[in-house]
Amino acid sequence: MLFAIAIILFLNGVITSAYTLMNTAETTTFWAMLSVNFVFYLGMTQTGIIFSAIMRIAKSEWGRYFSRLGEILTLSFIPVAFITFLIIYIGGAENLFYWASPSLSHGHDAGHVSPWLGKGLFLWRTIITMAAFYIMSYIYFRTSRIEENGAHVSYDIEKRLNLMAGFVMVFYIIANTNVAWDFGMMIVPHWESTIFPAYFWVGNIFAGTAFLFLISLLFLSHRGGKGVGKERLDSMGKLLLGFTLLWTYMFWSQHIVIWYSDLPNLTRPLFKQMSGKYAITFSTMILALFVLPFFTLIFRRIKLSISGLSIIAFIICIGIWTNRYLMILPVFKNGSELVLATWTGISLILAGLGVTLLSVILFLRLFPKVTTIQG
């Protein structure tokens, strides 16, 4: 049933995208929405193995229950990650990036564009950083499965896995910093923020952890959460509460410095996200990423409720998606049209969800010997 639903969502997204591109003269909005979903699902799925790495370094016992599924979530998305990026690069780069426009590259302003802002370098730095992260993730995953194959896990292997977990985090930060630069800063002329990449990948970890909990209810052996146990629910709730505070801190750090500097080229893009036609969307993001998670997860009763924690995790995912929407859409649209409420917008969101679930399902079918719960 889940497999069929995932296929329908994915195919609907593909058909809707093709129809939109063939029947719309101005396609920048489509490419912007595709980029929003690419950045959101890429960051969220890449967090799966980061969750595993964090749990290993922290020597968390409760986290082992979710760790293997997190690794599968990351590795299964590899084909989607590269294919979607290439589609955006080939079809939408000139619509999204002002420096990729042929008129700029041959005009009088070409000399004012940094060598970093070139289509060739954009392609290869993204491919290389993503490939490095996924290769390191696969090595970590393969090594961690030694214990499942009946082999004795020695102290040396544990030490090696701890070291690999650290390297996975390093490559994750490099890859996500690159995505934050390109899809967050490089789409706005002369806009820069030192702390923006950290703010970006903290959001990915926040949403990725929430999403991992949600899909664990679908893919782990005790479906519906009956095998999660109160201790794991409580620990997951505490972790999400901690990430709520961390994200809020990063949000404050990102915005207060730019506001205090009061430089128009830096403040204008942020104020556009927060005011005017985007004010309601911005308020929704704050509600979903701070107000609701904080004032519910402080109660143990909510953390011990599968349905309660699931609702909060779902709200967190919506909040980070809204954050990515505000990161990209205001650059191209004034907010008069609620793009996310259009059929194309909804289809792209659901297609991203469908292909993510489909990737996990196909991975488990292609590699049936891989267990979903770490031993």
Protein backbone atom coordinates (compact mmCIF):
# COMPACT_ATOMS: atom_id res chain seq x y z
CA MET A 1 0.00 0.00 0.00
CA LEU A 2 2.75 2.45 0.97
CA PHE A 3 4.70 1.49 -2.16
CA ALA A 4 1.70 2.26 -4.41
CA ILE A 5 1.03 5.60 -2.69
CA ALA A 6 4.68 6.62 -3.05
CA ILE A 7 4.65 5.79 -6.78
CA ILE A 8 1.42 7.77 -7.33
CA LEU A 9 2.82 10.82 -5.52
CA PHE A 10 6.04 10.65 -7.51
CA LEU A 11 4.36 10.17 -10.91
CA ASN A 12 1.90 12.96 -10.20
CA GLY A 13 4.84 15.27 -9.50
CA VAL A 14 6.62 14.27 -12.71
CA ILE A 15 3.51 14.72 -14.87
CA THR A 16 2.60 18.04 -13.24
CA SER A 17 6.16 19.32 -13.68
CA ALA A 18 6.23 18.38 -17.35
CA TYR A 19 2.83 20.01 -17.94
CA THR A 20 3.90 23.20 -16.13
CA LEU A 21 7.13 23.53 -18.10
CA MET A 22 5.37 22.97 -21.43
CA ASN A 23 2.49 25.36 -20.76
CA THR A 24 4.10 28.19 -18.79
CA ALA A 25 6.03 30.97 -20.46
CA GLU A 26 7.74 32.12 -17.25
CA THR A 27 9.25 29.08 -15.53
CA THR A 28 11.36 30.73 -12.83
CA THR A 29 8.70 30.06 -10.18
CA PHE A 30 8.71 26.36 -11.03
CA TRP A 31 12.49 26.10 -10.78
CA ALA A 32 12.44 28.01 -7.50
CA MET A 33 9.86 25.59 -6.04
CA LEU A 34 11.81 22.59 -7.30
CA SER A 35 14.92 24.02 -5.63
CA VAL A 36 13.02 24.51 -2.35
CA ASN A 37 12.05 20.84 -2.31
CA PHE A 38 15.47 19.67 -3.49
CA VAL A 39 17.22 21.57 -0.70
CA PHE A 40 14.66 20.41 1.88
CA TYR A 41 14.64 16.69 1.07
CA LEU A 42 18.38 16.56 0.37
CA GLY A 43 19.22 18.06 3.76
CA MET A 44 16.66 15.97 5.59
CA THR A 45 17.76 12.64 4.09
CA GLN A 46 21.46 13.38 4.52
CA THR A 47 20.79 13.88 8.22
CA GLY A 48 19.84 10.22 8.61
CA ILE A 49 23.43 9.02 8.79
CA ILE A 50 24.40 12.08 10.82
CA PHE A 51 21.90 10.96 13.45
CA SER A 52 23.63 7.57 13.50
CA ALA A 53 27.07 9.19 13.76
CA ILE A 54 25.97 11.44 16.63
CA MET A 55 24.42 8.52 18.50
CA ARG A 56 27.59 6.45 18.07
CA ILE A 57 29.94 9.17 19.28
CA ALA A 58 27.60 9.91 22.20
CA LYS A 59 27.45 6.13 22.95
CA SER A 60 23.67 6.35 22.98
CA GLU A 61 21.86 3.04 23.47
CA TRP A 62 18.37 4.34 22.71
CA GLY A 63 19.56 5.92 19.46
CA ARG A 64 20.68 2.58 18.02
CA TYR A 65 17.02 1.76 17.44
CA PHE A 66 16.77 4.53 14.83
CA SER A 67 20.37 4.62 13.57
CA ARG A 68 20.29 1.92 10.88
CA LEU A 69 17.13 3.34 9.34
CA GLY A 70 18.83 6.73 9.32
CA GLU A 71 21.77 5.29 7.39
CA ILE A 72 19.39 3.67 4.90
CA LEU A 73 17.51 6.96 4.49
CA THR A 74 20.74 8.70 3.49
CA LEU A 75 22.14 6.07 1.14
CA SER A 76 18.85 5.26 -0.60
CA PHE A 77 18.45 8.89 -1.67
CA ILE A 78 21.77 9.04 -3.57
CA PRO A 79 20.33 8.58 -7.11
CA VAL A 80 17.56 11.11 -6.44
CA ALA A 81 20.04 13.66 -5.08
CA PHE A 82 22.30 13.63 -8.14
CA ILE A 83 19.53 13.35 -10.76
CA THR A 84 17.51 16.21 -9.26
CA PHE A 85 20.57 18.44 -9.00
CA LEU A 86 21.47 17.78 -12.65
CA ILE A 87 17.90 18.59 -13.71
CA ILE A 88 18.09 21.92 -11.86
CA TYR A 89 21.56 22.62 -13.26
CA ILE A 90 20.66 21.85 -16.88
CA GLY A 91 17.15 23.29 -16.94
CA GLY A 92 16.96 25.95 -14.27
CA ALA A 93 20.39 27.42 -13.52
CA GLU A 94 19.89 30.45 -15.77
CA ASN A 95 16.50 31.13 -14.16
CA LEU A 96 17.73 30.80 -10.58
CA PHE A 97 21.22 32.29 -10.55
CA TYR A 98 21.70 35.84 -11.80
CA TRP A 99 25.37 35.11 -12.52
CA ALA A 100 24.43 32.21 -14.82
CA SER A 101 22.40 34.45 -17.12
CA PRO A 102 23.92 34.73 -20.63
CA SER A 103 23.17 38.47 -20.67
CA LEU A 104 25.32 38.98 -17.56
CA SER A 105 28.17 36.73 -18.63
CA HIS A 106 28.58 38.75 -21.84
CA GLY A 107 27.59 42.16 -20.46
CA HIS A 108 29.50 45.00 -18.88
CA ASP A 109 28.84 43.62 -15.35
CA ALA A 110 30.65 40.34 -16.05
CA GLY A 111 33.88 41.66 -14.58
CA HIS A 112 32.17 42.35 -11.24
CA VAL A 113 31.16 38.71 -10.73
CA SER A 114 33.44 36.54 -8.60
CA PRO A 115 35.16 33.61 -10.35
CA TRP A 116 33.41 31.43 -7.74
CA LEU A 117 30.12 32.24 -9.47
CA GLY A 118 30.47 30.20 -12.62
CA LYS A 119 28.31 27.39 -13.99
CA GLY A 120 31.23 25.01 -14.40
CA LEU A 121 32.51 25.49 -10.86
CA PHE A 122 28.95 25.35 -9.52
CA LEU A 123 28.47 21.95 -11.15
CA TRP A 124 31.72 20.36 -10.05
CA ARG A 125 31.90 21.68 -6.50
CA THR A 126 28.39 20.36 -5.85
CA ILE A 127 29.05 16.97 -7.47
CA ILE A 128 32.39 16.55 -5.68
CA THR A 129 31.21 17.59 -2.21
CA MET A 130 28.08 15.45 -2.43
CA ALA A 131 30.05 12.47 -3.77
CA ALA A 132 32.64 12.78 -0.99
CA PHE A 133 29.90 12.82 1.64
CA TYR A 134 28.08 9.82 0.17
CA ILE A 135 31.28 7.79 -0.29
CA MET A 136 32.27 8.40 3.33
CA SER A 137 28.72 7.54 4.41
CA TYR A 138 28.83 4.24 2.52
CA ILE A 139 32.18 3.29 4.06
CA TYR A 140 30.80 4.05 7.51
CA PHE A 141 27.62 2.06 6.78
CA ARG A 142 29.52 -0.94 5.45
CA THR A 143 31.89 -1.01 8.41
CA SER A 144 29.05 -0.71 10.92
CA ARG A 145 27.40 -3.81 9.41
CA ILE A 146 30.31 -6.07 10.37
CA GLU A 147 28.58 -6.96 13.62
CA GLU A 148 25.45 -8.04 11.73
CA ASN A 149 27.44 -10.56 9.69
CA GLY A 150 28.33 -12.54 12.78
CA ALA A 151 31.86 -11.23 13.09
CA HIS A 152 33.32 -10.33 16.46
CA VAL A 153 33.35 -6.57 16.96
CA SER A 154 36.75 -5.71 18.36
CA TYR A 155 37.82 -2.56 20.12
CA ASP A 156 39.74 -1.56 16.97
CA ILE A 157 36.57 -1.68 14.86
CA GLU A 158 34.67 0.38 17.41
CA LYS A 159 37.50 2.90 17.44
CA ARG A 160 37.51 2.99 13.64
CA LEU A 161 33.74 3.55 13.55
CA ASN A 162 34.00 6.42 16.01
CA LEU A 163 36.66 8.02 13.82
CA MET A 164 34.57 7.45 10.68
CA ALA A 165 31.55 9.00 12.38
CA GLY A 166 33.58 12.16 12.88
CA PHE A 167 34.64 12.22 9.23
CA VAL A 168 31.03 11.68 8.09
CA MET A 169 30.09 14.81 10.06
CA VAL A 170 32.92 16.80 8.51
CA PHE A 171 31.91 15.86 4.95
CA TYR A 172 28.27 16.54 5.83
CA ILE A 173 29.14 20.06 6.93
CA ILE A 174 31.22 20.66 3.79
CA ALA A 175 28.48 19.41 1.46
CA ASN A 176 25.70 21.31 3.22
CA THR A 177 27.75 24.48 3.51
CA ASN A 178 28.16 24.36 -0.26
CA VAL A 179 24.39 23.93 -0.74
CA ALA A 180 23.73 26.80 1.69
CA TRP A 181 26.10 29.07 -0.22
CA ASP A 182 24.67 28.27 -3.65
CA PHE A 183 20.94 28.04 -2.94
CA GLY A 184 20.82 30.50 -0.05
CA MET A 185 23.40 33.23 -0.62
CA MET A 186 24.44 33.04 -4.28
CA ILE A 187 20.92 33.64 -5.60
CA VAL A 188 20.95 37.15 -4.08
CA PRO A 189 23.41 39.73 -5.48
CA HIS A 190 25.96 40.89 -2.90
CA TRP A 191 24.30 39.08 0.03
CA GLU A 192 26.52 37.22 2.45
CA SER A 193 26.39 35.87 5.99
CA THR A 194 29.16 34.02 7.79
CA ILE A 195 26.80 32.14 10.09
CA PHE A 196 24.21 31.25 7.43
CA PRO A 197 25.68 27.80 6.55
CA ALA A 198 25.62 26.74 10.23
CA TYR A 199 22.06 28.04 10.57
CA PHE A 200 21.20 26.04 7.44
CA TRP A 201 22.59 22.66 8.48
CA VAL A 202 21.28 22.92 12.04
CA GLY A 203 17.85 23.23 10.41
CA ASN A 204 18.57 20.12 8.35
CA ILE A 205 19.50 18.13 11.46
CA PHE A 206 16.37 19.40 13.22
CA ALA A 207 14.02 18.35 10.41
CA GLY A 208 15.97 15.17 9.63
CA THR A 209 15.66 13.90 13.19
CA ALA A 210 11.92 14.62 13.22
CA PHE A 211 11.45 12.92 9.84
CA LEU A 212 13.49 9.89 10.93
CA PHE A 213 11.16 9.43 13.89
CA LEU A 214 8.12 9.64 11.61
CA ILE A 215 9.34 7.06 9.09
CA SER A 216 10.47 4.76 11.91
CA LEU A 217 6.76 4.25 12.59
CA LEU A 218 6.44 2.92 9.02
CA PHE A 219 9.61 0.94 8.42
CA LEU A 220 10.82 -0.55 11.68
CA SER A 221 9.72 -4.06 12.61
CA HIS A 222 7.24 -2.91 15.25
CA ARG A 223 5.12 -0.71 13.03
CA GLY A 224 2.90 1.93 14.49
CA GLY A 225 5.47 2.62 17.19
CA LYS A 226 4.52 -0.26 19.50
CA GLY A 227 8.15 -1.29 19.85
CA VAL A 228 9.57 2.17 20.40
CA GLY A 229 9.17 2.10 24.17
CA LYS A 230 8.76 4.93 26.65
CA GLU A 231 12.49 5.43 27.17
CA ARG A 232 13.12 5.96 23.45
CA LEU A 233 10.11 8.24 23.09
CA ASP A 234 11.24 10.32 26.04
CA SER A 235 14.80 10.54 24.70
CA MET A 236 13.64 11.46 21.19
CA GLY A 237 11.37 14.13 22.64
CA LYS A 238 14.24 15.57 24.66
CA LEU A 239 16.47 15.58 21.57
CA LEU A 240 13.85 17.44 19.53
CA LEU A 241 13.43 19.92 22.37
CA GLY A 242 17.19 20.45 22.40
CA PHE A 243 17.24 20.99 18.64
CA THR A 244 14.35 23.46 19.03
CA LEU A 245 16.50 25.58 21.32
CA LEU A 246 19.59 25.15 19.13
CA TRP A 247 17.72 26.18 15.98
CA THR A 248 16.24 29.19 17.79
CA TYR A 249 19.71 30.22 18.93
CA MET A 250 21.06 29.92 15.37
CA PHE A 251 18.07 31.84 14.01
CA TRP A 252 18.72 34.66 16.49
CA SER A 253 22.45 34.67 15.73
CA GLN A 254 21.79 34.80 11.99
CA HIS A 255 19.32 37.67 12.14
CA ILE A 256 20.58 39.88 14.97
CA VAL A 257 24.02 40.41 13.41
CA ILE A 258 22.56 41.43 10.05
CA TRP A 259 19.93 43.65 11.68
CA TYR A 260 22.57 45.34 13.85
CA SER A 261 24.86 46.02 10.88
CA ASP A 262 21.98 47.83 9.13
CA LEU A 263 23.52 47.48 5.66
CA PRO A 264 20.73 47.70 3.04
CA ASN A 265 22.17 45.00 0.78
CA LEU A 266 22.16 42.58 3.75
CA THR A 267 18.95 43.58 5.55
CA ARG A 268 16.70 43.96 2.50
CA PRO A 269 16.50 40.22 1.63
CA LEU A 270 15.79 39.27 5.27
CA PHE A 271 13.15 41.95 5.77
CA LYS A 272 11.41 40.78 2.60
CA GLN A 273 11.11 37.28 4.12
CA MET A 274 9.63 38.66 7.34
CA SER A 275 7.23 41.38 6.17
CA GLY A 276 4.62 42.24 3.57
CA LYS A 277 3.01 39.31 1.79
CA TYR A 278 5.44 36.88 3.46
CA ALA A 279 4.66 37.96 7.05
CA ILE A 280 2.09 35.19 7.62
CA THR A 281 4.43 32.55 6.20
CA PHE A 282 7.25 33.81 8.42
CA SER A 283 4.98 33.74 11.49
CA THR A 284 3.97 30.18 10.62
CA MET A 285 7.64 29.18 10.53
CA ILE A 286 8.31 30.66 13.99
CA LEU A 287 5.19 28.97 15.34
CA ALA A 288 6.23 25.59 13.90
CA LEU A 289 9.90 25.71 14.85
CA PHE A 290 9.87 27.36 18.26
CA VAL A 291 6.51 28.14 19.86
CA LEU A 292 4.73 24.79 19.36
CA PRO A 293 7.72 22.43 19.86
CA PHE A 294 9.02 24.28 22.91
CA PHE A 295 5.72 24.71 24.75
CA THR A 296 4.66 21.10 24.12
CA LEU A 297 7.90 19.12 24.48
CA ILE A 298 8.57 20.57 27.92
CA PHE A 299 5.76 18.26 29.09
CA ARG A 300 6.79 14.64 29.58
CA ARG A 301 3.27 13.47 28.80
CA ILE A 302 3.62 14.74 25.23
CA LYS A 303 7.04 13.14 24.81
CA LEU A 304 5.68 9.76 25.95
CA SER A 305 2.76 9.90 23.51
CA ILE A 306 3.45 8.41 20.07
CA SER A 307 0.65 10.43 18.48
CA GLY A 308 1.65 13.63 20.30
CA LEU A 309 5.34 13.32 19.40
CA SER A 310 4.43 12.41 15.81
CA ILE A 311 2.31 15.55 15.43
CA ILE A 312 5.13 17.74 16.76
CA ALA A 313 7.68 16.01 14.50
CA PHE A 314 5.41 16.61 11.50
CA ILE A 315 5.01 20.29 12.46
CA ILE A 316 8.81 20.63 12.70
CA CYS A 317 9.19 19.23 9.17
CA ILE A 318 6.61 21.74 7.92
CA GLY A 319 8.50 24.51 9.70
CA ILE A 320 11.86 23.72 8.09
CA TRP A 321 10.21 23.37 4.67
CA THR A 322 8.70 26.83 5.22
CA ASN A 323 12.16 28.09 6.16
CA ARG A 324 13.55 26.82 2.85
CA TYR A 325 10.58 28.37 1.03
CA LEU A 326 11.37 31.75 2.59
CA MET A 327 15.04 31.27 1.76
CA ILE A 328 14.41 31.02 -1.99
CA LEU A 329 10.96 32.22 -3.13
CA PRO A 330 11.12 35.88 -1.96
CA VAL A 331 14.14 36.38 -4.23
CA PHE A 332 11.93 35.78 -7.27
CA LYS A 333 8.35 36.54 -6.15
CA ASN A 334 6.77 39.43 -4.23
CA GLY A 335 4.44 37.09 -2.35
CA SER A 336 1.21 38.17 -4.04
CA GLU A 337 0.71 34.56 -5.16
CA LEU A 338 0.90 31.81 -2.55
CA VAL A 339 2.95 29.47 -4.71
CA LEU A 340 2.94 26.62 -2.20
CA ALA A 341 -0.88 26.51 -2.43
CA THR A 342 -0.88 25.95 -6.22
CA TRP A 343 -1.31 22.47 -7.66
CA THR A 344 2.26 22.54 -8.98
CA GLY A 345 3.58 23.56 -5.57
CA ILE A 346 1.64 20.87 -3.73
CA SER A 347 2.60 18.24 -6.32
CA LEU A 348 6.31 19.00 -5.94
CA ILE A 349 6.10 18.71 -2.15
CA LEU A 350 4.26 15.39 -2.32
CA ALA A 351 6.52 14.11 -5.10
CA GLY A 352 9.53 14.76 -2.87
CA LEU A 353 7.90 12.80 -0.07
CA GLY A 354 6.90 10.04 -2.46
CA VAL A 355 10.35 9.60 -3.98
CA THR A 356 11.95 9.64 -0.51
CA LEU A 357 9.70 6.84 0.74
CA LEU A 358 10.07 5.01 -2.57
CA SER A 359 13.87 5.16 -2.26
CA VAL A 360 13.79 3.56 1.19
CA ILE A 361 11.34 0.86 0.09
CA LEU A 362 13.41 -0.05 -2.99
CA PHE A 363 16.62 -0.08 -0.95
CA LEU A 364 15.11 -2.57 1.51
CA ARG A 365 13.84 -4.74 -1.37
CA LEU A 366 17.14 -4.69 -3.24
CA PHE A 367 19.17 -5.42 -0.11
CA PRO A 368 16.94 -7.66 2.04
CA LYS A 369 19.86 -8.75 4.25
CA VAL A 370 20.21 -5.22 5.62
CA THR A 371 18.37 -5.03 8.93
CA THR A 372 16.38 -1.91 9.77
CA ILE A 373 17.33 -2.00 13.45
CA GLN A 374 20.99 -1.91 14.44
CA GLY A 375 22.14 -4.91 16.40
